[in-house]
């Protein structure tokens, strides 16, 4: 992702990766994204539910099988609705990806 973003922006955007909790816990990083001191993160939705109650839909294990889950995540109306909920918390949801529909990972800014 780093290489794709940097190449697509012709070097105008530089991506720095801080793995293994270097910037803090998921909760503190999520708060830092809300206040603008951190640009983005990838995390599971469990921490996000405290800020975006509707994110709970992603944290219910075994609700979807792989086929149905991918259909839901590809539905533009669903994505528009869930994005609106994140925006209420001053977060821009860049994407949602499945990790087996037992786990789900979101990318937030």
PDB file of N, CA and C in Angstrom:
ATOM      1  N   UNK A   1       0.826  -1.177   0.000  1.00  0.00           N
ATOM      2  CA  UNK A   1       0.000   0.000   0.000  1.00  0.00           C
ATOM      3  C   UNK A   1       0.881   1.255   0.000  1.00  0.00           C
ATOM      4  N   UNK A   2       1.926   1.237   0.803  1.00  0.00           N
ATOM      5  CA  UNK A   2       2.856   2.373   0.878  1.00  0.00           C
ATOM      6  C   UNK A   2       3.392   2.714  -0.512  1.00  0.00           C
ATOM      7  N   UNK A   3       3.908   1.707  -1.200  1.00  0.00           N
ATOM      8  CA  UNK A   3       4.503   1.934  -2.511  1.00  0.00           C
ATOM      9  C   UNK A   3       3.469   2.433  -3.511  1.00  0.00           C
ATOM     10  N   UNK A   4       2.258   1.878  -3.464  1.00  0.00           N
ATOM     11  CA  UNK A   4       1.190   2.280  -4.381  1.00  0.00           C
ATOM     12  C   UNK A   4       0.794   3.738  -4.160  1.00  0.00           C
ATOM     13  N   UNK A   5       0.623   4.136  -2.906  1.00  0.00           N
ATOM     14  CA  UNK A   5       0.240   5.524  -2.601  1.00  0.00           C
ATOM     15  C   UNK A   5       1.341   6.489  -3.025  1.00  0.00           C
ATOM     16  N   UNK A   6       2.566   6.171  -2.688  1.00  0.00           N
ATOM     17  CA  UNK A   6       3.667   7.064  -3.039  1.00  0.00           C
ATOM     18  C   UNK A   6       3.844   7.160  -4.553  1.00  0.00           C
ATOM     19  N   UNK A   7       3.734   6.046  -5.247  1.00  0.00           N
ATOM     20  CA  UNK A   7       3.874   6.056  -6.707  1.00  0.00           C
ATOM     21  C   UNK A   7       2.704   6.783  -7.362  1.00  0.00           C
ATOM     22  N   UNK A   8       1.489   6.527  -6.887  1.00  0.00           N
ATOM     23  CA  UNK A   8       0.299   7.159  -7.477  1.00  0.00           C
ATOM     24  C   UNK A   8       0.285   8.671  -7.266  1.00  0.00           C
ATOM     25  N   UNK A   9       0.921   9.135  -6.205  1.00  0.00           N
ATOM     26  CA  UNK A   9       0.954  10.575  -5.928  1.00  0.00           C
ATOM     27  C   UNK A   9       2.212  11.240  -6.500  1.00  0.00           C
ATOM     28  N   UNK A  10       2.984  10.480  -7.281  1.00  0.00           N
ATOM     29  CA  UNK A  10       4.244  10.985  -7.829  1.00  0.00           C
ATOM     30  C   UNK A  10       5.160  11.540  -6.740  1.00  0.00           C
ATOM     31  N   UNK A  11       5.157  10.879  -5.591  1.00  0.00           N
ATOM     32  CA  UNK A  11       6.033  11.262  -4.497  1.00  0.00           C
ATOM     33  C   UNK A  11       5.531  12.415  -3.642  1.00  0.00           C
ATOM     34  N   UNK A  12       4.354  12.963  -3.948  1.00  0.00           N
ATOM     35  CA  UNK A  12       3.814  14.082  -3.154  1.00  0.00           C
ATOM     36  C   UNK A  12       3.343  13.624  -1.777  1.00  0.00           C
ATOM     37  N   UNK A  13       2.968  12.348  -1.682  1.00  0.00           N
ATOM     38  CA  UNK A  13       2.540  11.783  -0.404  1.00  0.00           C
ATOM     39  C   UNK A  13       3.591  10.778   0.036  1.00  0.00           C
ATOM     40  N   UNK A  14       4.067  10.937   1.254  1.00  0.00           N
ATOM     41  CA  UNK A  14       5.030   9.998   1.826  1.00  0.00           C
ATOM     42  C   UNK A  14       4.326   9.224   2.940  1.00  0.00           C
ATOM     43  N   UNK A  15       4.387   7.921   2.881  1.00  0.00           N
ATOM     44  CA  UNK A  15       3.753   7.058   3.879  1.00  0.00           C
ATOM     45  C   UNK A  15       4.819   6.547   4.832  1.00  0.00           C
ATOM     46  N   UNK A  16       4.595   6.759   6.117  1.00  0.00           N
ATOM     47  CA  UNK A  16       5.478   6.213   7.142  1.00  0.00           C
ATOM     48  C   UNK A  16       4.689   5.171   7.923  1.00  0.00           C
ATOM     49  N   UNK A  17       5.274   4.016   8.115  1.00  0.00           N
ATOM     50  CA  UNK A  17       4.600   2.907   8.793  1.00  0.00           C
ATOM     51  C   UNK A  17       5.223   2.723  10.172  1.00  0.00           C
ATOM     52  N   UNK A  18       4.355   2.643  11.178  1.00  0.00           N
ATOM     53  CA  UNK A  18       4.788   2.431  12.562  1.00  0.00           C
ATOM     54  C   UNK A  18       4.124   1.152  13.070  1.00  0.00           C
ATOM     55  N   UNK A  19       4.776   0.004  12.919  1.00  0.00           N
ATOM     56  CA  UNK A  19       4.167  -1.273  13.321  1.00  0.00           C
ATOM     57  C   UNK A  19       4.263  -1.529  14.825  1.00  0.00           C
ATOM     58  N   UNK A  20       3.569  -2.538  15.248  1.00  0.00           N
ATOM     59  CA  UNK A  20       3.697  -3.094  16.593  1.00  0.00           C
ATOM     60  C   UNK A  20       3.369  -2.120  17.714  1.00  0.00           C
ATOM     61  N   UNK A  21       2.368  -1.276  17.494  1.00  0.00           N
ATOM     62  CA  UNK A  21       1.921  -0.380  18.559  1.00  0.00           C
ATOM     63  C   UNK A  21       2.891   0.738  18.902  1.00  0.00           C
ATOM     64  N   UNK A  22       3.787   1.091  18.004  1.00  0.00           N
ATOM     65  CA  UNK A  22       4.772   2.132  18.286  1.00  0.00           C
ATOM     66  C   UNK A  22       4.133   3.479  18.620  1.00  0.00           C
ATOM     67  N   UNK A  23       2.952   3.763  18.073  1.00  0.00           N
ATOM     68  CA  UNK A  23       2.303   5.055  18.308  1.00  0.00           C
ATOM     69  C   UNK A  23       1.291   5.004  19.447  1.00  0.00           C
ATOM     70  N   UNK A  24       1.090   3.828  20.023  1.00  0.00           N
ATOM     71  CA  UNK A  24       0.155   3.683  21.132  1.00  0.00           C
ATOM     72  C   UNK A  24      -0.818   2.547  20.904  1.00  0.00           C
ATOM     73  N   UNK A  25      -1.810   2.477  21.776  1.00  0.00           N
ATOM     74  CA  UNK A  25      -2.848   1.456  21.645  1.00  0.00           C
ATOM     75  C   UNK A  25      -3.780   1.820  20.501  1.00  0.00           C
ATOM     76  N   UNK A  26      -4.557   0.856  20.034  1.00  0.00           N
ATOM     77  CA  UNK A  26      -5.542   1.150  18.982  1.00  0.00           C
ATOM     78  C   UNK A  26      -6.448   2.302  19.401  1.00  0.00           C
ATOM     79  N   UNK A  27      -6.891   2.285  20.647  1.00  0.00           N
ATOM     80  CA  UNK A  27      -7.786   3.345  21.125  1.00  0.00           C
ATOM     81  C   UNK A  27      -7.105   4.719  21.087  1.00  0.00           C
ATOM     82  N   UNK A  28      -5.884   4.815  21.582  1.00  0.00           N
ATOM     83  CA  UNK A  28      -5.209   6.121  21.597  1.00  0.00           C
ATOM     84  C   UNK A  28      -4.899   6.597  20.177  1.00  0.00           C
ATOM     85  N   UNK A  29      -4.544   5.685  19.292  1.00  0.00           N
ATOM     86  CA  UNK A  29      -4.284   6.057  17.903  1.00  0.00           C
ATOM     87  C   UNK A  29      -5.578   6.507  17.234  1.00  0.00           C
ATOM     88  N   UNK A  30      -6.678   5.812  17.497  1.00  0.00           N
ATOM     89  CA  UNK A  30      -7.969   6.216  16.938  1.00  0.00           C
ATOM     90  C   UNK A  30      -8.320   7.629  17.404  1.00  0.00           C
ATOM     91  N   UNK A  31      -8.091   7.924  18.678  1.00  0.00           N
ATOM     92  CA  UNK A  31      -8.340   9.265  19.207  1.00  0.00           C
ATOM     93  C   UNK A  31      -7.427  10.291  18.530  1.00  0.00           C
ATOM     94  N   UNK A  32      -6.178   9.914  18.292  1.00  0.00           N
ATOM     95  CA  UNK A  32      -5.243  10.819  17.625  1.00  0.00           C
ATOM     96  C   UNK A  32      -5.655  11.081  16.176  1.00  0.00           C
ATOM     97  N   UNK A  33      -6.277  10.110  15.535  1.00  0.00           N
ATOM     98  CA  UNK A  33      -6.805  10.328  14.186  1.00  0.00           C
ATOM     99  C   UNK A  33      -7.958  11.329  14.251  1.00  0.00           C
ATOM    100  N   UNK A  34      -8.816  11.181  15.240  1.00  0.00           N
ATOM    101  CA  UNK A  34      -9.932  12.117  15.391  1.00  0.00           C
ATOM    102  C   UNK A  34      -9.453  13.560  15.561  1.00  0.00           C
ATOM    103  N   UNK A  35      -8.381  13.752  16.314  1.00  0.00           N
ATOM    104  CA  UNK A  35      -7.909  15.116  16.552  1.00  0.00           C
ATOM    105  C   UNK A  35      -6.868  15.573  15.535  1.00  0.00           C
ATOM    106  N   UNK A  36      -6.529  14.716  14.576  1.00  0.00           N
ATOM    107  CA  UNK A  36      -5.671  15.114  13.473  1.00  0.00           C
ATOM    108  C   UNK A  36      -4.176  14.986  13.692  1.00  0.00           C
ATOM    109  N   UNK A  37      -3.741  14.415  14.804  1.00  0.00           N
ATOM    110  CA  UNK A  37      -2.304  14.302  15.026  1.00  0.00           C
ATOM    111  C   UNK A  37      -1.696  13.052  14.377  1.00  0.00           C
ATOM    112  N   UNK A  38      -2.531  12.102  14.002  1.00  0.00           N
ATOM    113  CA  UNK A  38      -2.109  10.925  13.229  1.00  0.00           C
ATOM    114  C   UNK A  38      -3.028  10.853  12.016  1.00  0.00           C
ATOM    115  N   UNK A  39      -2.472  10.487  10.872  1.00  0.00           N
ATOM    116  CA  UNK A  39      -3.235  10.513   9.625  1.00  0.00           C
ATOM    117  C   UNK A  39      -4.123   9.289   9.428  1.00  0.00           C
ATOM    118  N   UNK A  40      -3.657   8.106   9.762  1.00  0.00           N
ATOM    119  CA  UNK A  40      -4.457   6.922   9.487  1.00  0.00           C
ATOM    120  C   UNK A  40      -3.954   5.695  10.208  1.00  0.00           C
ATOM    121  N   UNK A  41      -4.785   4.668  10.176  1.00  0.00           N
ATOM    122  CA  UNK A  41      -4.429   3.405  10.822  1.00  0.00           C
ATOM    123  C   UNK A  41      -5.224   2.275  10.198  1.00  0.00           C
ATOM    124  N   UNK A  42      -4.770   1.077  10.437  1.00  0.00           N
ATOM    125  CA  UNK A  42      -5.511  -0.127  10.092  1.00  0.00           C
ATOM    126  C   UNK A  42      -5.752  -0.852  11.400  1.00  0.00           C
ATOM    127  N   UNK A  43      -7.013  -1.168  11.677  1.00  0.00           N
ATOM    128  CA  UNK A  43      -7.297  -1.875  12.930  1.00  0.00           C
ATOM    129  C   UNK A  43      -8.585  -2.680  12.799  1.00  0.00           C
ATOM    130  N   UNK A  44      -8.834  -3.508  13.796  1.00  0.00           N
ATOM    131  CA  UNK A  44     -10.095  -4.233  13.833  1.00  0.00           C
ATOM    132  C   UNK A  44     -11.146  -3.300  14.433  1.00  0.00           C
ATOM    133  N   UNK A  45     -12.403  -3.551  14.172  1.00  0.00           N
ATOM    134  CA  UNK A  45     -13.445  -2.615  14.602  1.00  0.00           C
ATOM    135  C   UNK A  45     -13.769  -2.644  16.092  1.00  0.00           C
ATOM    136  N   UNK A  46     -13.219  -3.553  16.848  1.00  0.00           N
ATOM    137  CA  UNK A  46     -13.578  -3.642  18.271  1.00  0.00           C
ATOM    138  C   UNK A  46     -13.353  -2.323  18.990  1.00  0.00           C
ATOM    139  N   UNK A  47     -12.224  -1.679  18.761  1.00  0.00           N
ATOM    140  CA  UNK A  47     -11.945  -0.400  19.412  1.00  0.00           C
ATOM    141  C   UNK A  47     -12.837   0.703  18.855  1.00  0.00           C
ATOM    142  N   UNK A  48     -13.212   0.596  17.595  1.00  0.00           N
ATOM    143  CA  UNK A  48     -13.991   1.634  16.941  1.00  0.00           C
ATOM    144  C   UNK A  48     -15.421   1.729  17.468  1.00  0.00           C
ATOM    145  N   UNK A  49     -15.935   0.641  18.025  1.00  0.00           N
ATOM    146  CA  UNK A  49     -17.316   0.620  18.513  1.00  0.00           C
ATOM    147  C   UNK A  49     -17.537   1.671  19.599  1.00  0.00           C
ATOM    148  N   UNK A  50     -16.517   1.989  20.370  1.00  0.00           N
ATOM    149  CA  UNK A  50     -16.636   3.024  21.396  1.00  0.00           C
ATOM    150  C   UNK A  50     -16.897   4.397  20.794  1.00  0.00           C
ATOM    151  N   UNK A  51     -16.453   4.610  19.569  1.00  0.00           N
ATOM    152  CA  UNK A  51     -16.579   5.892  18.886  1.00  0.00           C
ATOM    153  C   UNK A  51     -17.691   5.875  17.838  1.00  0.00           C
ATOM    154  N   UNK A  52     -17.863   4.724  17.211  1.00  0.00           N
ATOM    155  CA  UNK A  52     -18.845   4.546  16.130  1.00  0.00           C
ATOM    156  C   UNK A  52     -19.668   3.304  16.476  1.00  0.00           C
ATOM    157  N   UNK A  53     -20.752   3.474  17.241  1.00  0.00           N
ATOM    158  CA  UNK A  53     -21.526   2.307  17.675  1.00  0.00           C
ATOM    159  C   UNK A  53     -21.965   1.394  16.524  1.00  0.00           C
ATOM    160  N   UNK A  54     -22.220   1.962  15.354  1.00  0.00           N
ATOM    161  CA  UNK A  54     -22.637   1.145  14.203  1.00  0.00           C
ATOM    162  C   UNK A  54     -21.545   0.202  13.728  1.00  0.00           C
ATOM    163  N   UNK A  55     -20.299   0.460  14.109  1.00  0.00           N
ATOM    164  CA  UNK A  55     -19.205  -0.433  13.721  1.00  0.00           C
ATOM    165  C   UNK A  55     -19.368  -1.809  14.346  1.00  0.00           C
ATOM    166  N   UNK A  56     -20.246  -1.921  15.304  1.00  0.00           N
ATOM    167  CA  UNK A  56     -20.530  -3.212  15.935  1.00  0.00           C
ATOM    168  C   UNK A  56     -20.964  -4.263  14.911  1.00  0.00           C
ATOM    169  N   UNK A  57     -21.541  -3.818  13.808  1.00  0.00           N
ATOM    170  CA  UNK A  57     -21.969  -4.757  12.764  1.00  0.00           C
ATOM    171  C   UNK A  57     -20.775  -5.558  12.236  1.00  0.00           C
ATOM    172  N   UNK A  58     -19.565  -4.979  12.309  1.00  0.00           N
ATOM    173  CA  UNK A  58     -18.369  -5.669  11.836  1.00  0.00           C
ATOM    174  C   UNK A  58     -17.787  -6.605  12.881  1.00  0.00           C
ATOM    175  N   UNK A  59     -18.227  -6.477  14.102  1.00  0.00           N
ATOM    176  CA  UNK A  59     -17.581  -7.187  15.202  1.00  0.00           C
ATOM    177  C   UNK A  59     -18.402  -8.369  15.720  1.00  0.00           C
ATOM    178  N   UNK A  60     -19.450  -8.708  15.004  1.00  0.00           N
ATOM    179  CA  UNK A  60     -20.285  -9.843  15.402  1.00  0.00           C
ATOM    180  C   UNK A  60     -19.773 -11.075  14.645  1.00  0.00           C
ATOM    181  N   UNK A  61     -19.111 -11.988  15.332  1.00  0.00           N
ATOM    182  CA  UNK A  61     -18.502 -13.114  14.614  1.00  0.00           C
ATOM    183  C   UNK A  61     -19.534 -14.061  14.012  1.00  0.00           C
ATOM    184  N   UNK A  62     -19.164 -14.582  12.864  1.00  0.00           N
ATOM    185  CA  UNK A  62     -19.925 -15.629  12.181  1.00  0.00           C
ATOM    186  C   UNK A  62     -21.299 -15.187  11.701  1.00  0.00           C
ATOM    187  N   UNK A  63     -21.544 -13.876  11.588  1.00  0.00           N
ATOM    188  CA  UNK A  63     -22.817 -13.389  11.052  1.00  0.00           C
ATOM    189  C   UNK A  63     -22.891 -13.678   9.562  1.00  0.00           C
ATOM    190  N   UNK A  64     -21.757 -13.510   8.893  1.00  0.00           N
ATOM    191  CA  UNK A  64     -21.712 -13.691   7.441  1.00  0.00           C
ATOM    192  C   UNK A  64     -20.855 -14.887   7.091  1.00  0.00           C
ATOM    193  N   UNK A  65     -21.243 -15.558   6.014  1.00  0.00           N
ATOM    194  CA  UNK A  65     -20.283 -16.470   5.409  1.00  0.00           C
ATOM    195  C   UNK A  65     -19.492 -15.626   4.405  1.00  0.00           C
ATOM    196  N   UNK A  66     -18.467 -16.165   3.836  1.00  0.00           N
ATOM    197  CA  UNK A  66     -17.575 -15.391   2.978  1.00  0.00           C
ATOM    198  C   UNK A  66     -18.319 -14.763   1.802  1.00  0.00           C
ATOM    199  N   UNK A  67     -19.168 -15.526   1.136  1.00  0.00           N
ATOM    200  CA  UNK A  67     -19.877 -15.017  -0.046  1.00  0.00           C
ATOM    201  C   UNK A  67     -20.811 -13.863   0.326  1.00  0.00           C
ATOM    202  N   UNK A  68     -21.626 -14.043   1.350  1.00  0.00           N
ATOM    203  CA  UNK A  68     -22.567 -12.993   1.762  1.00  0.00           C
ATOM    204  C   UNK A  68     -21.824 -11.772   2.303  1.00  0.00           C
ATOM    205  N   UNK A  69     -20.794 -11.993   3.071  1.00  0.00           N
ATOM    206  CA  UNK A  69     -20.019 -10.888   3.619  1.00  0.00           C
ATOM    207  C   UNK A  69     -19.395 -10.027   2.537  1.00  0.00           C
ATOM    208  N   UNK A  70     -18.819 -10.660   1.542  1.00  0.00           N
ATOM    209  CA  UNK A  70     -18.223  -9.891   0.446  1.00  0.00           C
ATOM    210  C   UNK A  70     -19.295  -9.128  -0.333  1.00  0.00           C
ATOM    211  N   UNK A  71     -20.470  -9.703  -0.466  1.00  0.00           N
ATOM    212  CA  UNK A  71     -21.580  -9.012  -1.130  1.00  0.00           C
ATOM    213  C   UNK A  71     -21.969  -7.761  -0.347  1.00  0.00           C
ATOM    214  N   UNK A  72     -22.075  -7.887   0.961  1.00  0.00           N
ATOM    215  CA  UNK A  72     -22.422  -6.737   1.803  1.00  0.00           C
ATOM    216  C   UNK A  72     -21.356  -5.652   1.690  1.00  0.00           C
ATOM    217  N   UNK A  73     -20.095  -6.024   1.779  1.00  0.00           N
ATOM    218  CA  UNK A  73     -19.015  -5.044   1.726  1.00  0.00           C
ATOM    219  C   UNK A  73     -18.870  -4.391   0.358  1.00  0.00           C
ATOM    220  N   UNK A  74     -19.410  -5.014  -0.685  1.00  0.00           N
ATOM    221  CA  UNK A  74     -19.364  -4.441  -2.028  1.00  0.00           C
ATOM    222  C   UNK A  74     -20.586  -3.582  -2.331  1.00  0.00           C
ATOM    223  N   UNK A  75     -21.546  -3.541  -1.420  1.00  0.00           N
ATOM    224  CA  UNK A  75     -22.774  -2.786  -1.636  1.00  0.00           C
ATOM    225  C   UNK A  75     -22.514  -1.291  -1.392  1.00  0.00           C
ATOM    226  N   UNK A  76     -22.587  -0.457  -2.440  1.00  0.00           N
ATOM    227  CA  UNK A  76     -22.282   0.966  -2.273  1.00  0.00           C
ATOM    228  C   UNK A  76     -23.221   1.676  -1.289  1.00  0.00           C
ATOM    229  N   UNK A  77     -24.469   1.235  -1.210  1.00  0.00           N
ATOM    230  CA  UNK A  77     -25.404   1.849  -0.258  1.00  0.00           C
ATOM    231  C   UNK A  77     -24.989   1.553   1.183  1.00  0.00           C
ATOM    232  N   UNK A  78     -24.560   0.327   1.435  1.00  0.00           N
ATOM    233  CA  UNK A  78     -24.093  -0.027   2.776  1.00  0.00           C
ATOM    234  C   UNK A  78     -22.858   0.784   3.140  1.00  0.00           C
ATOM    235  N   UNK A  79     -21.904   0.868   2.220  1.00  0.00           N
ATOM    236  CA  UNK A  79     -20.670   1.603   2.475  1.00  0.00           C
ATOM    237  C   UNK A  79     -20.978   3.081   2.709  1.00  0.00           C
ATOM    238  N   UNK A  80     -21.880   3.652   1.948  1.00  0.00           N
ATOM    239  CA  UNK A  80     -22.264   5.056   2.126  1.00  0.00           C
ATOM    240  C   UNK A  80     -22.862   5.275   3.513  1.00  0.00           C
ATOM    241  N   UNK A  81     -23.720   4.358   3.937  1.00  0.00           N
ATOM    242  CA  UNK A  81     -24.352   4.453   5.260  1.00  0.00           C
ATOM    243  C   UNK A  81     -23.330   4.346   6.392  1.00  0.00           C
ATOM    244  N   UNK A  82     -22.447   3.381   6.300  1.00  0.00           N
ATOM    245  CA  UNK A  82     -21.467   3.191   7.370  1.00  0.00           C
ATOM    246  C   UNK A  82     -20.452   4.335   7.379  1.00  0.00           C
ATOM    247  N   UNK A  83     -20.100   4.856   6.195  1.00  0.00           N
ATOM    248  CA  UNK A  83     -19.214   6.019   6.128  1.00  0.00           C
ATOM    249  C   UNK A  83     -19.817   7.214   6.852  1.00  0.00           C
ATOM    250  N   UNK A  84     -21.116   7.421   6.700  1.00  0.00           N
ATOM    251  CA  UNK A  84     -21.795   8.537   7.368  1.00  0.00           C
ATOM    252  C   UNK A  84     -21.680   8.405   8.884  1.00  0.00           C
ATOM    253  N   UNK A  85     -21.732   7.190   9.389  1.00  0.00           N
ATOM    254  CA  UNK A  85     -21.599   6.968  10.831  1.00  0.00           C
ATOM    255  C   UNK A  85     -20.177   7.301  11.312  1.00  0.00           C
ATOM    256  N   UNK A  86     -19.179   6.927  10.520  1.00  0.00           N
ATOM    257  CA  UNK A  86     -17.798   7.245  10.873  1.00  0.00           C
ATOM    258  C   UNK A  86     -17.562   8.754  10.823  1.00  0.00           C
ATOM    259  N   UNK A  87     -18.150   9.416   9.846  1.00  0.00           N
ATOM    260  CA  UNK A  87     -17.972  10.863   9.724  1.00  0.00           C
ATOM    261  C   UNK A  87     -18.525  11.605  10.942  1.00  0.00           C
ATOM    262  N   UNK A  88     -19.575  11.079  11.550  1.00  0.00           N
ATOM    263  CA  UNK A  88     -20.112  11.682  12.779  1.00  0.00           C
ATOM    264  C   UNK A  88     -19.067  11.677  13.891  1.00  0.00           C
ATOM    265  N   UNK A  89     -18.142  10.728  13.843  1.00  0.00           N
ATOM    266  CA  UNK A  89     -17.077  10.625  14.847  1.00  0.00           C
ATOM    267  C   UNK A  89     -15.788  11.304  14.372  1.00  0.00           C
ATOM    268  N   UNK A  90     -15.895  12.106  13.283  1.00  0.00           N
ATOM    269  CA  UNK A  90     -14.749  12.808  12.715  1.00  0.00           C
ATOM    270  C   UNK A  90     -13.682  11.842  12.193  1.00  0.00           C
ATOM    271  N   UNK A  91     -14.145  10.766  11.584  1.00  0.00           N
ATOM    272  CA  UNK A  91     -13.271   9.750  11.000  1.00  0.00           C
ATOM    273  C   UNK A  91     -13.728   9.506   9.562  1.00  0.00           C
ATOM    274  N   UNK A  92     -12.779   9.378   8.666  1.00  0.00           N
ATOM    275  CA  UNK A  92     -13.104   9.006   7.292  1.00  0.00           C
ATOM    276  C   UNK A  92     -12.697   7.550   7.097  1.00  0.00           C
ATOM    277  N   UNK A  93     -13.649   6.719   6.808  1.00  0.00           N
ATOM    278  CA  UNK A  93     -13.393   5.295   6.583  1.00  0.00           C
ATOM    279  C   UNK A  93     -12.946   5.118   5.136  1.00  0.00           C
ATOM    280  N   UNK A  94     -11.720   4.668   4.947  1.00  0.00           N
ATOM    281  CA  UNK A  94     -11.197   4.488   3.595  1.00  0.00           C
ATOM    282  C   UNK A  94     -11.579   3.153   2.995  1.00  0.00           C
ATOM    283  N   UNK A  95     -11.761   2.163   3.830  1.00  0.00           N
ATOM    284  CA  UNK A  95     -12.094   0.860   3.294  1.00  0.00           C
ATOM    285  C   UNK A  95     -12.343  -0.140   4.388  1.00  0.00           C
ATOM    286  N   UNK A  96     -12.954  -1.206   3.997  1.00  0.00           N
ATOM    287  CA  UNK A  96     -13.228  -2.317   4.903  1.00  0.00           C
ATOM    288  C   UNK A  96     -12.829  -3.578   4.172  1.00  0.00           C
ATOM    289  N   UNK A  97     -12.133  -4.447   4.867  1.00  0.00           N
ATOM    290  CA  UNK A  97     -11.724  -5.692   4.239  1.00  0.00           C
ATOM    291  C   UNK A  97     -12.010  -6.862   5.174  1.00  0.00           C
ATOM    292  N   UNK A  98     -12.311  -7.967   4.602  1.00  0.00           N
ATOM    293  CA  UNK A  98     -12.634  -9.153   5.381  1.00  0.00           C
ATOM    294  C   UNK A  98     -11.369  -9.893   5.780  1.00  0.00           C
ATOM    295  N   UNK A  99     -11.409 -10.441   6.962  1.00  0.00           N
ATOM    296  CA  UNK A  99     -10.339 -11.335   7.391  1.00  0.00           C
ATOM    297  C   UNK A  99     -10.991 -12.636   7.850  1.00  0.00           C
ATOM    298  N   UNK A 100     -11.769 -13.199   6.957  1.00  0.00           N
ATOM    299  CA  UNK A 100     -12.408 -14.463   7.227  1.00  0.00           C
ATOM    300  C   UNK A 100     -13.819 -14.351   7.769  1.00  0.00           C
ATOM    301  N   UNK A 101     -14.353 -13.139   7.897  1.00  0.00           N
ATOM    302  CA  UNK A 101     -15.687 -12.883   8.440  1.00  0.00           C
ATOM    303  C   UNK A 101     -15.862 -13.441   9.829  1.00  0.00           C
ATOM    304  N   UNK A 102     -14.780 -13.659  10.441  1.00  0.00           N
ATOM    305  CA  UNK A 102     -14.742 -13.912  11.867  1.00  0.00           C
ATOM    306  C   UNK A 102     -14.009 -12.718  12.466  1.00  0.00           C
ATOM    307  N   UNK A 103     -13.131 -12.178  11.649  1.00  0.00           N
ATOM    308  CA  UNK A 103     -12.395 -10.957  11.969  1.00  0.00           C
ATOM    309  C   UNK A 103     -12.578 -10.011  10.809  1.00  0.00           C
ATOM    310  N   UNK A 104     -12.611  -8.727  11.073  1.00  0.00           N
ATOM    311  CA  UNK A 104     -12.743  -7.726  10.024  1.00  0.00           C
ATOM    312  C   UNK A 104     -11.783  -6.605  10.341  1.00  0.00           C
ATOM    313  N   UNK A 105     -11.207  -6.025   9.345  1.00  0.00           N
ATOM    314  CA  UNK A 105     -10.219  -4.972   9.546  1.00  0.00           C
ATOM    315  C   UNK A 105     -10.693  -3.732   8.806  1.00  0.00           C
ATOM    316  N   UNK A 106     -10.595  -2.547   9.423  1.00  0.00           N
ATOM    317  CA  UNK A 106     -10.990  -1.316   8.761  1.00  0.00           C
ATOM    318  C   UNK A 106      -9.795  -0.398   8.630  1.00  0.00           C
ATOM    319  N   UNK A 107      -9.863   0.470   7.645  1.00  0.00           N
ATOM    320  CA  UNK A 107      -8.829   1.453   7.419  1.00  0.00           C
ATOM    321  C   UNK A 107      -9.462   2.803   7.605  1.00  0.00           C
ATOM    322  N   UNK A 108      -9.002   3.577   8.557  1.00  0.00           N
ATOM    323  CA  UNK A 108      -9.632   4.827   8.901  1.00  0.00           C
ATOM    324  C   UNK A 108      -8.649   5.979   8.831  1.00  0.00           C
ATOM    325  N   UNK A 109      -9.172   7.130   8.502  1.00  0.00           N
ATOM    326  CA  UNK A 109      -8.385   8.364   8.523  1.00  0.00           C
ATOM    327  C   UNK A 109      -9.061   9.360   9.394  1.00  0.00           C
TER     328      UNK A 109
END
